[in-house]
Protein backbone atom coordinates (compact mmCIF):
# COMPACT_ATOMS: atom_id res chain seq x y z
CA MET A 1 59.36 150.57 89.88
CA THR A 2 56.32 148.78 91.13
CA ASP A 3 56.22 146.04 93.68
CA ALA A 4 55.66 143.59 90.86
CA THR A 5 58.20 144.74 88.76
CA ALA A 6 60.45 144.50 91.62
CA ALA A 7 59.73 141.10 92.24
CA GLU A 8 60.05 139.99 88.91
CA THR A 9 63.71 141.24 88.74
CA LYS A 10 64.92 139.95 91.74
CA ARG A 11 68.12 138.18 90.90
CA ILE A 12 67.50 134.03 90.85
CA ASP A 13 70.56 132.61 90.25
CA GLN A 14 71.35 132.13 93.69
CA PRO A 15 69.44 129.53 95.53
CA GLY A 16 66.55 130.56 97.69
CA LEU A 17 66.13 134.22 95.99
CA ALA A 18 63.20 132.98 93.75
CA GLN A 19 59.67 132.87 94.74
CA GLU A 20 59.02 129.45 93.77
CA GLU A 21 62.39 127.15 92.75
CA LEU A 22 61.29 124.79 89.82
CA PRO A 23 62.41 120.82 90.41
CA SER A 24 65.48 120.36 88.20
CA LEU A 25 64.97 119.55 84.38
CA ASP A 26 68.44 118.15 83.89
CA THR A 27 67.01 114.57 83.61
CA PHE A 28 65.10 115.66 80.36
CA TYR A 29 68.04 116.24 77.94
CA GLU A 30 68.27 113.96 75.27
CA GLU A 31 70.74 113.74 73.16
CA PRO A 32 70.38 115.34 69.55
CA GLY A 33 70.36 113.13 66.21
CA GLY A 34 71.89 114.18 63.19
CA ASN A 35 74.42 116.86 64.34
CA ILE A 36 77.49 115.56 62.80
CA ALA A 37 78.04 117.07 58.68
CA PRO A 38 77.12 114.43 56.24
CA GLY A 39 80.98 112.90 54.81
CA TRP A 40 83.66 110.93 55.34
CA TYR A 41 85.24 110.98 58.76
CA ALA A 42 88.55 108.52 60.09
CA ALA A 43 87.29 106.22 62.58
CA THR A 44 88.42 103.80 64.99
CA VAL A 45 86.60 100.83 65.89
CA LEU A 46 86.11 100.90 69.72
CA GLU A 47 85.57 97.90 72.22
CA GLY A 48 82.54 99.81 73.13
CA TYR A 49 81.25 103.61 74.89
CA ALA A 50 78.60 104.47 77.00
CA THR A 51 76.39 107.58 75.78
CA GLY A 52 75.47 110.25 78.18
CA LYS A 53 72.76 108.59 79.46
CA GLY A 54 74.58 105.78 80.26
CA THR A 55 73.62 103.49 77.57
CA GLN A 56 76.13 101.00 76.56
CA PHE A 57 77.29 100.11 73.27
CA THR A 58 79.94 97.33 72.53
CA THR A 59 81.53 95.67 69.64
CA THR A 60 79.89 92.37 69.79
CA ASP A 61 77.86 89.64 67.83
CA GLU A 62 74.89 88.71 69.68
CA PRO A 63 71.58 86.57 69.02
CA PHE A 64 68.71 88.88 68.07
CA LYS A 65 65.72 87.53 67.32
CA ASP A 66 63.51 84.75 65.12
CA GLU A 67 67.32 83.11 64.74
CA ARG A 68 68.71 86.52 63.43
CA ARG A 69 71.50 87.86 64.74
CA ILE A 70 72.94 91.20 65.43
CA PHE A 71 76.44 92.25 64.66
CA ARG A 72 77.48 95.62 66.01
CA LEU A 73 80.27 98.14 65.97
CA ALA A 74 80.90 100.82 68.07
CA LEU A 75 83.02 103.44 66.12
CA GLY A 76 85.06 106.82 67.33
CA LEU A 77 84.88 109.22 64.77
CA THR A 78 87.22 112.12 64.25
CA VAL A 79 84.99 115.25 63.60
CA GLY A 80 87.35 118.26 64.20
CA SER A 81 89.17 118.20 67.46
CA SER A 82 87.00 115.97 68.95
CA THR A 83 86.06 112.36 69.02
CA ARG A 84 82.57 111.57 68.56
CA ASN A 85 80.88 107.81 69.17
CA LEU A 86 78.51 106.12 66.79
CA GLN A 87 77.77 102.37 66.21
CA LYS A 88 76.57 100.62 62.92
CA THR A 89 74.52 97.70 63.36
CA PHE A 90 74.01 94.91 60.76
CA PHE A 91 71.01 92.41 61.02
CA TYR A 92 71.34 88.95 59.23
CA SER A 93 70.81 85.23 60.03
CA PRO A 94 73.69 82.58 59.92
CA GLU A 95 72.47 80.61 57.15
CA SER A 96 72.39 83.62 55.19
CA PHE A 97 76.40 83.13 53.97
CA THR A 98 75.85 79.89 52.62
CA GLY A 99 76.77 79.87 48.93
CA GLU A 100 73.62 78.74 47.76
CA ASN A 101 72.06 82.06 49.30
CA LEU A 102 74.77 84.26 48.02
CA ALA A 103 73.99 83.01 45.04
CA HIS A 104 70.34 83.62 45.21
CA ILE A 105 70.89 87.07 46.43
CA LYS A 106 73.08 87.51 42.97
CA SER A 107 70.48 86.49 41.20
CA LEU A 108 67.89 88.52 42.76
CA ARG A 109 70.23 91.55 42.05
CA GLU A 110 70.08 91.47 38.66
CA GLN A 111 66.41 90.80 38.73
CA PHE A 112 65.62 93.69 40.34
CA LYS A 113 68.46 95.89 39.09
CA GLY A 114 67.33 99.60 39.27
CA GLN A 115 64.49 98.84 40.75
CA LYS A 116 64.37 100.33 44.32
CA SER A 117 61.70 97.99 45.94
CA TRP A 118 62.02 94.17 45.26
CA ALA A 119 58.46 93.12 45.54
CA GLY A 120 57.75 89.97 47.39
CA GLN A 121 61.55 89.51 48.17
CA GLY A 122 61.73 92.46 51.36
CA GLN A 123 63.90 89.65 53.45
CA ALA A 124 66.00 88.86 50.64
CA GLN A 125 66.63 92.89 49.72
CA ASN A 126 67.31 93.42 53.35
CA PHE A 127 70.13 91.35 53.44
CA SER A 128 71.75 92.34 50.26
CA ILE A 129 71.88 95.44 51.64
CA THR A 130 73.65 94.27 54.50
CA LEU A 131 75.79 92.39 52.64
CA GLY A 132 77.05 95.43 50.88
CA HIS A 133 77.79 97.25 54.02
CA LEU A 134 79.86 94.07 54.98
CA SER A 135 81.13 94.08 51.81
CA GLN A 136 82.85 97.64 51.91
CA LEU A 137 83.86 97.06 55.76
CA GLU A 138 85.73 93.66 54.83
CA LYS A 139 87.60 96.24 51.85
CA ALA A 140 88.29 98.79 54.25
CA ILE A 141 89.58 96.57 57.12
CA GLY A 142 91.59 94.51 54.87
CA PHE A 143 90.59 90.78 55.87
CA LYS A 144 87.72 88.57 55.50
CA LEU A 145 84.50 88.06 57.95
CA ALA A 146 85.41 84.88 59.90
CA ARG A 147 82.49 83.01 62.02
CA HIS A 148 82.44 82.48 65.56
CA PRO A 149 81.74 78.49 66.55
CA ASN A 150 78.55 79.58 68.21
CA GLY A 151 77.16 80.84 64.52
CA GLY A 152 77.84 84.54 64.78
CA LEU A 153 81.00 86.74 63.36
CA LEU A 154 83.83 87.12 65.03
CA ALA A 155 83.77 90.95 66.14
CA ALA A 156 86.92 91.13 68.78
CA PRO A 157 89.11 91.53 65.38
CA TYR A 158 87.82 94.57 64.38
CA ILE A 159 88.51 96.30 67.56
CA GLY A 160 91.56 98.83 67.30
CA LYS A 161 91.04 98.77 63.82
CA LYS A 162 91.36 102.07 61.82
CA MET A 163 88.75 103.02 58.73
CA ASP A 164 87.16 105.99 57.15
CA VAL A 165 83.47 105.83 57.32
CA ARG A 166 80.65 107.92 55.66
CA VAL A 167 78.29 109.44 57.81
CA SER A 168 74.73 110.85 56.48
CA THR A 169 71.43 111.69 58.04
CA SER A 170 68.53 109.08 58.32
CA LYS A 171 64.98 109.92 57.14
CA ASN A 172 64.72 109.91 61.23
CA GLY A 173 67.09 112.98 61.40
CA TYR A 174 69.61 110.45 62.89
CA ASP A 175 73.49 110.30 62.14
CA ASP A 176 73.34 106.93 60.14
CA ILE A 177 77.02 105.39 58.97
CA THR A 178 76.10 104.44 55.03
CA GLY A 179 79.87 103.51 54.26
CA PHE A 180 83.29 102.49 54.85
CA ALA A 181 86.61 102.66 53.02
CA PRO A 182 90.65 102.08 53.76
CA ALA A 183 92.19 104.18 56.37
CA GLY A 184 92.72 107.56 55.23
CA THR A 185 91.35 107.25 51.70
CA ARG A 186 88.58 109.17 52.21
CA SER A 187 88.71 111.35 55.40
CA ALA A 188 89.82 114.78 55.04
CA LYS A 189 93.50 114.83 55.64
CA LYS A 190 94.77 117.45 58.15
């Protein structure tokens, strides 16, 4: 064995034995996205959770930007024998829930039926998608959305509620909640 080979085979699993110790790389870890297999899972709405990096996600409704709001659900999903946390966000404008606007969305749905894009109506199309998800959520939970006096949606009544959620992988490779159903109706029975 040459001196160079002997130096390469030194044990480095004990401090002080390596010729040069590198700085720790533990802060470079990033939680991978898209690692829950697509499908239906049992879920519970949580008050909130923290990611491995310490980012806090809570079930809440708060101002976003341009007079819009963000309604967020923090969810604990049962994946096999463990619990995984995900969030689902809904962006909306408080005035979007007026009877007039909801009727307008229904007429646009008919007008653009079968089309992937609503030319010139992007904001309305986005809200139509949000309405579809909120409609599923309402059916899954079993009660109607309610508005807070500040104009936002009440989030607290959802905390602790159980439902089934469909997880898909987004085009960016992250886990995405794309559907809601009443608890026990879609997730695998154990």
